[in-house]
Amino acid sequence: MTEKDHQDSLAEFEEALERMADQKFVLKLYVSGATGRSSRAIENIRGFCEEHLKGRYELEVIDIYQHPELLEKEQVIAAPTLIKQLPPPLRKLIGDMSDEEKILVGLDIRPPEESTEKE
């Protein structure tokens, strides 16, 4: 990669970050009752959103026992499942939301190649 290519890539990345700063995230977290795993997922994703998306997210927590009709509509096959509806593209993450790197990449906040270059 030439120096110019590197500068162009860096400029594109910085522009993308700037556009992302104004984007609102619409998230739905599907949980299964008041289990420990569900409670951890709720706590983890709320903490994540406050740290990384403060002021620009909407989070709806849905108990699949109270709203089983939504499982088929949203194609939820496991709980907890986090669905990012906006900004596009739609993404689904399964688990207790404790892996911050997985969430950063899954929500398109950090590119996949950046997360692998940590070391």
N, C-alpha and C. Protein backbone atom coordinates (compact mmCIF):
# COMPACT_ATOMS: atom_id res chain seq x y z
N MET A 1 0.85 -1.18 0.00
CA MET A 1 0.00 0.00 0.00
C MET A 1 0.89 1.23 0.00
N THR A 2 0.63 2.13 -0.92
CA THR A 2 1.42 3.35 -1.00
C THR A 2 0.99 4.33 0.08
N GLU A 3 1.81 5.34 0.28
CA GLU A 3 1.48 6.37 1.28
C GLU A 3 0.18 7.07 0.94
N LYS A 4 -0.05 7.35 -0.37
CA LYS A 4 -1.29 8.00 -0.79
C LYS A 4 -2.50 7.10 -0.52
N ASP A 5 -2.36 5.80 -0.83
CA ASP A 5 -3.46 4.86 -0.56
C ASP A 5 -3.78 4.83 0.93
N HIS A 6 -2.72 4.83 1.74
CA HIS A 6 -2.91 4.82 3.19
C HIS A 6 -3.63 6.09 3.66
N GLN A 7 -3.22 7.24 3.13
CA GLN A 7 -3.86 8.50 3.51
C GLN A 7 -5.31 8.53 3.06
N ASP A 8 -5.59 8.00 1.84
CA ASP A 8 -6.97 7.94 1.35
C ASP A 8 -7.82 7.04 2.24
N SER A 9 -7.27 5.89 2.63
CA SER A 9 -8.00 4.97 3.49
C SER A 9 -8.29 5.59 4.85
N LEU A 10 -7.29 6.27 5.37
CA LEU A 10 -7.45 6.94 6.67
C LEU A 10 -8.52 8.02 6.58
N ALA A 11 -8.51 8.80 5.51
CA ALA A 11 -9.51 9.85 5.33
C ALA A 11 -10.91 9.26 5.21
N GLU A 12 -11.05 8.17 4.46
CA GLU A 12 -12.36 7.50 4.33
C GLU A 12 -12.84 6.99 5.68
N PHE A 13 -11.93 6.40 6.46
CA PHE A 13 -12.29 5.88 7.78
C PHE A 13 -12.73 7.01 8.70
N GLU A 14 -12.01 8.12 8.69
CA GLU A 14 -12.38 9.26 9.54
C GLU A 14 -13.72 9.85 9.13
N GLU A 15 -14.00 9.89 7.82
CA GLU A 15 -15.31 10.37 7.35
C GLU A 15 -16.42 9.44 7.81
N ALA A 16 -16.17 8.14 7.74
CA ALA A 16 -17.17 7.16 8.18
C ALA A 16 -17.45 7.32 9.67
N LEU A 17 -16.41 7.54 10.47
CA LEU A 17 -16.60 7.75 11.91
C LEU A 17 -17.41 9.00 12.18
N GLU A 18 -17.15 10.05 11.42
CA GLU A 18 -17.89 11.29 11.58
C GLU A 18 -19.37 11.10 11.27
N ARG A 19 -19.67 10.39 10.17
CA ARG A 19 -21.07 10.10 9.82
C ARG A 19 -21.73 9.24 10.90
N MET A 20 -20.97 8.29 11.44
CA MET A 20 -21.52 7.39 12.45
C MET A 20 -21.86 8.14 13.73
N ALA A 21 -21.14 9.20 14.03
CA ALA A 21 -21.36 9.95 15.26
C ALA A 21 -22.78 10.53 15.33
N ASP A 22 -23.40 10.75 14.17
CA ASP A 22 -24.74 11.29 14.13
C ASP A 22 -25.83 10.22 14.02
N GLN A 23 -25.44 8.98 13.82
CA GLN A 23 -26.41 7.91 13.61
C GLN A 23 -27.03 7.47 14.92
N LYS A 24 -28.33 7.21 14.87
CA LYS A 24 -29.03 6.68 16.02
C LYS A 24 -29.14 5.17 15.85
N PHE A 25 -28.84 4.44 16.90
CA PHE A 25 -28.93 3.00 16.90
C PHE A 25 -30.26 2.57 17.51
N VAL A 26 -30.98 1.73 16.80
CA VAL A 26 -32.22 1.16 17.30
C VAL A 26 -31.95 -0.32 17.54
N LEU A 27 -32.01 -0.71 18.82
CA LEU A 27 -31.66 -2.06 19.24
C LEU A 27 -32.81 -2.72 19.98
N LYS A 28 -32.94 -4.03 19.75
CA LYS A 28 -33.91 -4.83 20.51
C LYS A 28 -33.16 -6.00 21.12
N LEU A 29 -33.35 -6.19 22.42
CA LEU A 29 -32.72 -7.31 23.11
C LEU A 29 -33.81 -8.28 23.54
N TYR A 30 -33.77 -9.48 22.99
CA TYR A 30 -34.72 -10.53 23.34
C TYR A 30 -34.12 -11.39 24.43
N VAL A 31 -34.83 -11.50 25.56
CA VAL A 31 -34.37 -12.29 26.70
C VAL A 31 -35.44 -13.31 27.07
N SER A 32 -35.03 -14.30 27.87
CA SER A 32 -35.98 -15.34 28.29
C SER A 32 -36.23 -15.25 29.79
N GLY A 33 -37.18 -14.42 30.15
CA GLY A 33 -37.57 -14.29 31.55
C GLY A 33 -36.50 -13.61 32.39
N ALA A 34 -36.56 -13.89 33.70
CA ALA A 34 -35.67 -13.23 34.65
C ALA A 34 -34.51 -14.15 35.05
N THR A 35 -33.92 -14.82 34.07
CA THR A 35 -32.79 -15.71 34.35
C THR A 35 -31.53 -14.90 34.57
N GLY A 36 -30.52 -15.53 35.13
CA GLY A 36 -29.24 -14.87 35.34
C GLY A 36 -28.61 -14.43 34.03
N ARG A 37 -28.71 -15.29 33.01
CA ARG A 37 -28.13 -14.95 31.70
C ARG A 37 -28.85 -13.74 31.09
N SER A 38 -30.17 -13.70 31.24
CA SER A 38 -30.94 -12.56 30.72
C SER A 38 -30.56 -11.28 31.45
N SER A 39 -30.46 -11.36 32.77
CA SER A 39 -30.09 -10.19 33.57
C SER A 39 -28.71 -9.67 33.21
N ARG A 40 -27.74 -10.61 33.01
CA ARG A 40 -26.40 -10.21 32.60
C ARG A 40 -26.42 -9.53 31.23
N ALA A 41 -27.19 -10.09 30.31
CA ALA A 41 -27.26 -9.51 28.96
C ALA A 41 -27.82 -8.09 29.02
N ILE A 42 -28.86 -7.88 29.80
CA ILE A 42 -29.47 -6.55 29.93
C ILE A 42 -28.46 -5.58 30.53
N GLU A 43 -27.83 -5.99 31.61
CA GLU A 43 -26.85 -5.12 32.28
C GLU A 43 -25.67 -4.83 31.36
N ASN A 44 -25.17 -5.86 30.68
CA ASN A 44 -24.02 -5.68 29.79
C ASN A 44 -24.33 -4.75 28.62
N ILE A 45 -25.47 -4.94 27.98
CA ILE A 45 -25.76 -4.12 26.79
C ILE A 45 -26.10 -2.68 27.20
N ARG A 46 -26.74 -2.50 28.33
CA ARG A 46 -26.99 -1.13 28.80
C ARG A 46 -25.68 -0.40 29.10
N GLY A 47 -24.77 -1.08 29.75
CA GLY A 47 -23.46 -0.49 30.04
C GLY A 47 -22.70 -0.19 28.76
N PHE A 48 -22.74 -1.13 27.82
CA PHE A 48 -22.08 -0.93 26.53
C PHE A 48 -22.65 0.29 25.81
N CYS A 49 -23.98 0.38 25.76
CA CYS A 49 -24.63 1.50 25.06
C CYS A 49 -24.29 2.83 25.71
N GLU A 50 -24.27 2.88 27.03
CA GLU A 50 -23.94 4.12 27.72
C GLU A 50 -22.48 4.53 27.46
N GLU A 51 -21.62 3.55 27.33
CA GLU A 51 -20.21 3.86 27.09
C GLU A 51 -19.93 4.25 25.64
N HIS A 52 -20.53 3.52 24.69
CA HIS A 52 -20.17 3.70 23.28
C HIS A 52 -21.21 4.46 22.44
N LEU A 53 -22.46 4.49 22.90
CA LEU A 53 -23.52 5.09 22.08
C LEU A 53 -24.32 6.14 22.84
N LYS A 54 -23.79 6.66 23.90
CA LYS A 54 -24.52 7.58 24.79
C LYS A 54 -25.25 8.67 24.00
N GLY A 55 -26.55 8.76 24.25
CA GLY A 55 -27.37 9.79 23.64
C GLY A 55 -27.80 9.50 22.21
N ARG A 56 -27.38 8.35 21.66
CA ARG A 56 -27.76 8.07 20.28
C ARG A 56 -28.21 6.62 20.09
N TYR A 57 -28.90 6.10 21.10
CA TYR A 57 -29.43 4.75 20.96
C TYR A 57 -30.82 4.66 21.59
N GLU A 58 -31.55 3.69 21.10
CA GLU A 58 -32.86 3.33 21.65
C GLU A 58 -32.80 1.82 21.86
N LEU A 59 -32.99 1.38 23.10
CA LEU A 59 -32.92 -0.03 23.44
C LEU A 59 -34.26 -0.50 23.98
N GLU A 60 -34.80 -1.52 23.35
CA GLU A 60 -36.04 -2.14 23.82
C GLU A 60 -35.71 -3.56 24.27
N VAL A 61 -36.08 -3.89 25.52
CA VAL A 61 -35.87 -5.23 26.05
C VAL A 61 -37.20 -5.97 25.97
N ILE A 62 -37.18 -7.15 25.33
CA ILE A 62 -38.40 -7.92 25.10
C ILE A 62 -38.23 -9.30 25.70
N ASP A 63 -39.16 -9.66 26.59
CA ASP A 63 -39.17 -10.99 27.20
C ASP A 63 -39.94 -11.93 26.26
N ILE A 64 -39.25 -12.96 25.77
CA ILE A 64 -39.89 -13.86 24.79
C ILE A 64 -41.03 -14.67 25.40
N TYR A 65 -41.05 -14.79 26.72
CA TYR A 65 -42.17 -15.49 27.36
C TYR A 65 -43.43 -14.63 27.34
N GLN A 66 -43.27 -13.33 27.40
CA GLN A 66 -44.42 -12.42 27.37
C GLN A 66 -44.85 -12.09 25.95
N HIS A 67 -43.94 -12.23 24.99
CA HIS A 67 -44.25 -11.90 23.59
C HIS A 67 -43.72 -12.98 22.64
N PRO A 68 -44.21 -14.22 22.78
CA PRO A 68 -43.72 -15.31 21.93
C PRO A 68 -44.02 -15.10 20.44
N GLU A 69 -45.03 -14.29 20.14
CA GLU A 69 -45.39 -14.05 18.74
C GLU A 69 -44.28 -13.31 17.98
N LEU A 70 -43.41 -12.63 18.69
CA LEU A 70 -42.34 -11.88 18.04
C LEU A 70 -41.17 -12.77 17.61
N LEU A 71 -41.07 -13.97 18.18
CA LEU A 71 -39.96 -14.85 17.85
C LEU A 71 -39.92 -15.18 16.36
N GLU A 72 -41.05 -15.58 15.82
CA GLU A 72 -41.10 -15.93 14.41
C GLU A 72 -40.93 -14.69 13.53
N LYS A 73 -41.60 -13.62 13.90
CA LYS A 73 -41.52 -12.39 13.11
C LYS A 73 -40.09 -11.89 12.99
N GLU A 74 -39.36 -11.90 14.10
CA GLU A 74 -37.98 -11.40 14.12
C GLU A 74 -36.96 -12.50 13.85
N GLN A 75 -37.42 -13.74 13.69
CA GLN A 75 -36.57 -14.90 13.45
C GLN A 75 -35.52 -15.07 14.55
N VAL A 76 -35.99 -14.99 15.79
CA VAL A 76 -35.13 -15.18 16.95
C VAL A 76 -35.13 -16.67 17.29
N ILE A 77 -33.94 -17.28 17.31
CA ILE A 77 -33.85 -18.72 17.58
C ILE A 77 -33.19 -19.03 18.92
N ALA A 78 -32.65 -18.01 19.58
CA ALA A 78 -32.00 -18.20 20.88
C ALA A 78 -32.15 -16.92 21.68
N ALA A 79 -32.01 -17.07 22.99
CA ALA A 79 -32.08 -15.89 23.85
C ALA A 79 -30.93 -15.98 24.85
N PRO A 80 -30.29 -14.87 25.14
CA PRO A 80 -30.52 -13.53 24.64
C PRO A 80 -30.03 -13.33 23.20
N THR A 81 -30.78 -12.52 22.47
CA THR A 81 -30.41 -12.10 21.12
C THR A 81 -30.58 -10.60 21.02
N LEU A 82 -29.55 -9.93 20.52
CA LEU A 82 -29.60 -8.49 20.28
C LEU A 82 -29.77 -8.27 18.79
N ILE A 83 -30.76 -7.47 18.41
CA ILE A 83 -30.99 -7.14 17.01
C ILE A 83 -30.74 -5.65 16.82
N LYS A 84 -29.84 -5.35 15.89
CA LYS A 84 -29.60 -3.95 15.51
C LYS A 84 -30.46 -3.69 14.28
N GLN A 85 -31.49 -2.87 14.44
CA GLN A 85 -32.38 -2.56 13.33
C GLN A 85 -31.87 -1.37 12.53
N LEU A 86 -31.35 -0.37 13.23
CA LEU A 86 -30.79 0.81 12.58
C LEU A 86 -29.49 1.15 13.25
N PRO A 87 -28.53 1.68 12.56
CA PRO A 87 -28.49 1.89 11.11
C PRO A 87 -28.28 0.57 10.39
N PRO A 88 -28.66 0.54 9.11
CA PRO A 88 -28.47 -0.69 8.34
C PRO A 88 -26.98 -1.04 8.26
N PRO A 89 -26.67 -2.28 8.06
CA PRO A 89 -27.54 -3.42 7.84
C PRO A 89 -28.02 -4.02 9.16
N LEU A 90 -29.11 -4.76 9.08
CA LEU A 90 -29.65 -5.47 10.24
C LEU A 90 -28.60 -6.47 10.71
N ARG A 91 -28.40 -6.54 12.02
CA ARG A 91 -27.44 -7.49 12.60
C ARG A 91 -28.08 -8.16 13.80
N LYS A 92 -27.68 -9.42 14.04
CA LYS A 92 -28.14 -10.17 15.21
C LYS A 92 -26.93 -10.73 15.94
N LEU A 93 -26.92 -10.54 17.26
CA LEU A 93 -25.86 -11.07 18.11
C LEU A 93 -26.50 -11.92 19.19
N ILE A 94 -25.94 -13.08 19.43
CA ILE A 94 -26.48 -14.01 20.42
C ILE A 94 -25.49 -14.15 21.56
N GLY A 95 -26.00 -14.16 22.80
CA GLY A 95 -25.16 -14.36 23.97
C GLY A 95 -25.48 -13.38 25.07
N ASP A 96 -24.64 -13.38 26.11
CA ASP A 96 -24.93 -12.51 27.26
C ASP A 96 -24.35 -11.11 27.10
N MET A 97 -23.85 -10.78 25.92
CA MET A 97 -23.35 -9.44 25.57
C MET A 97 -22.15 -9.03 26.42
N SER A 98 -21.35 -10.01 26.85
CA SER A 98 -20.18 -9.70 27.68
C SER A 98 -18.92 -9.48 26.85
N ASP A 99 -18.93 -9.88 25.58
CA ASP A 99 -17.76 -9.73 24.71
C ASP A 99 -17.84 -8.39 23.99
N GLU A 100 -17.20 -7.39 24.56
CA GLU A 100 -17.28 -6.03 24.02
C GLU A 100 -16.76 -5.94 22.59
N GLU A 101 -15.68 -6.64 22.28
CA GLU A 101 -15.13 -6.62 20.91
C GLU A 101 -16.14 -7.17 19.92
N LYS A 102 -16.80 -8.26 20.28
CA LYS A 102 -17.80 -8.87 19.41
C LYS A 102 -18.95 -7.89 19.15
N ILE A 103 -19.35 -7.15 20.16
CA ILE A 103 -20.44 -6.19 20.01
C ILE A 103 -19.99 -5.00 19.16
N LEU A 104 -18.78 -4.50 19.40
CA LEU A 104 -18.25 -3.39 18.60
C LEU A 104 -18.23 -3.74 17.11
N VAL A 105 -17.76 -4.94 16.80
CA VAL A 105 -17.70 -5.37 15.41
C VAL A 105 -19.10 -5.69 14.89
N GLY A 106 -19.90 -6.38 15.70
CA GLY A 106 -21.24 -6.78 15.29
C GLY A 106 -22.17 -5.61 15.01
N LEU A 107 -21.99 -4.52 15.72
CA LEU A 107 -22.81 -3.33 15.49
C LEU A 107 -22.18 -2.36 14.50
N ASP A 108 -21.08 -2.78 13.89
CA ASP A 108 -20.36 -1.97 12.90
C ASP A 108 -19.81 -0.67 13.50
N ILE A 109 -19.44 -0.72 14.76
CA ILE A 109 -18.82 0.44 15.39
C ILE A 109 -17.31 0.39 15.14
N ARG A 110 -16.76 -0.81 15.10
CA ARG A 110 -15.35 -1.00 14.82
C ARG A 110 -15.23 -2.04 13.72
N PRO A 111 -14.41 -1.76 12.70
CA PRO A 111 -14.24 -2.73 11.62
C PRO A 111 -13.59 -4.01 12.13
N PRO A 112 -13.90 -5.18 11.54
CA PRO A 112 -13.33 -6.45 11.99
C PRO A 112 -11.81 -6.47 11.99
N GLU A 113 -11.18 -5.92 10.96
CA GLU A 113 -9.71 -5.97 10.89
C GLU A 113 -9.07 -5.17 12.00
N GLU A 114 -9.73 -4.11 12.48
CA GLU A 114 -9.18 -3.31 13.56
C GLU A 114 -9.17 -4.10 14.86
N SER A 115 -10.18 -4.91 15.10
CA SER A 115 -10.26 -5.65 16.36
C SER A 115 -9.23 -6.76 16.42
N THR A 116 -8.76 -7.28 15.27
CA THR A 116 -7.77 -8.34 15.28
C THR A 116 -6.35 -7.82 15.41
N GLU A 117 -6.15 -6.52 15.25
CA GLU A 117 -4.83 -5.93 15.31
C GLU A 117 -4.47 -5.44 16.72
N LYS A 118 -5.17 -5.90 17.73
CA LYS A 118 -4.97 -5.41 19.09
C LYS A 118 -3.55 -5.65 19.61
N GLU A 119 -2.93 -6.71 19.21
CA GLU A 119 -1.65 -7.08 19.79
C GLU A 119 -0.53 -6.47 19.12
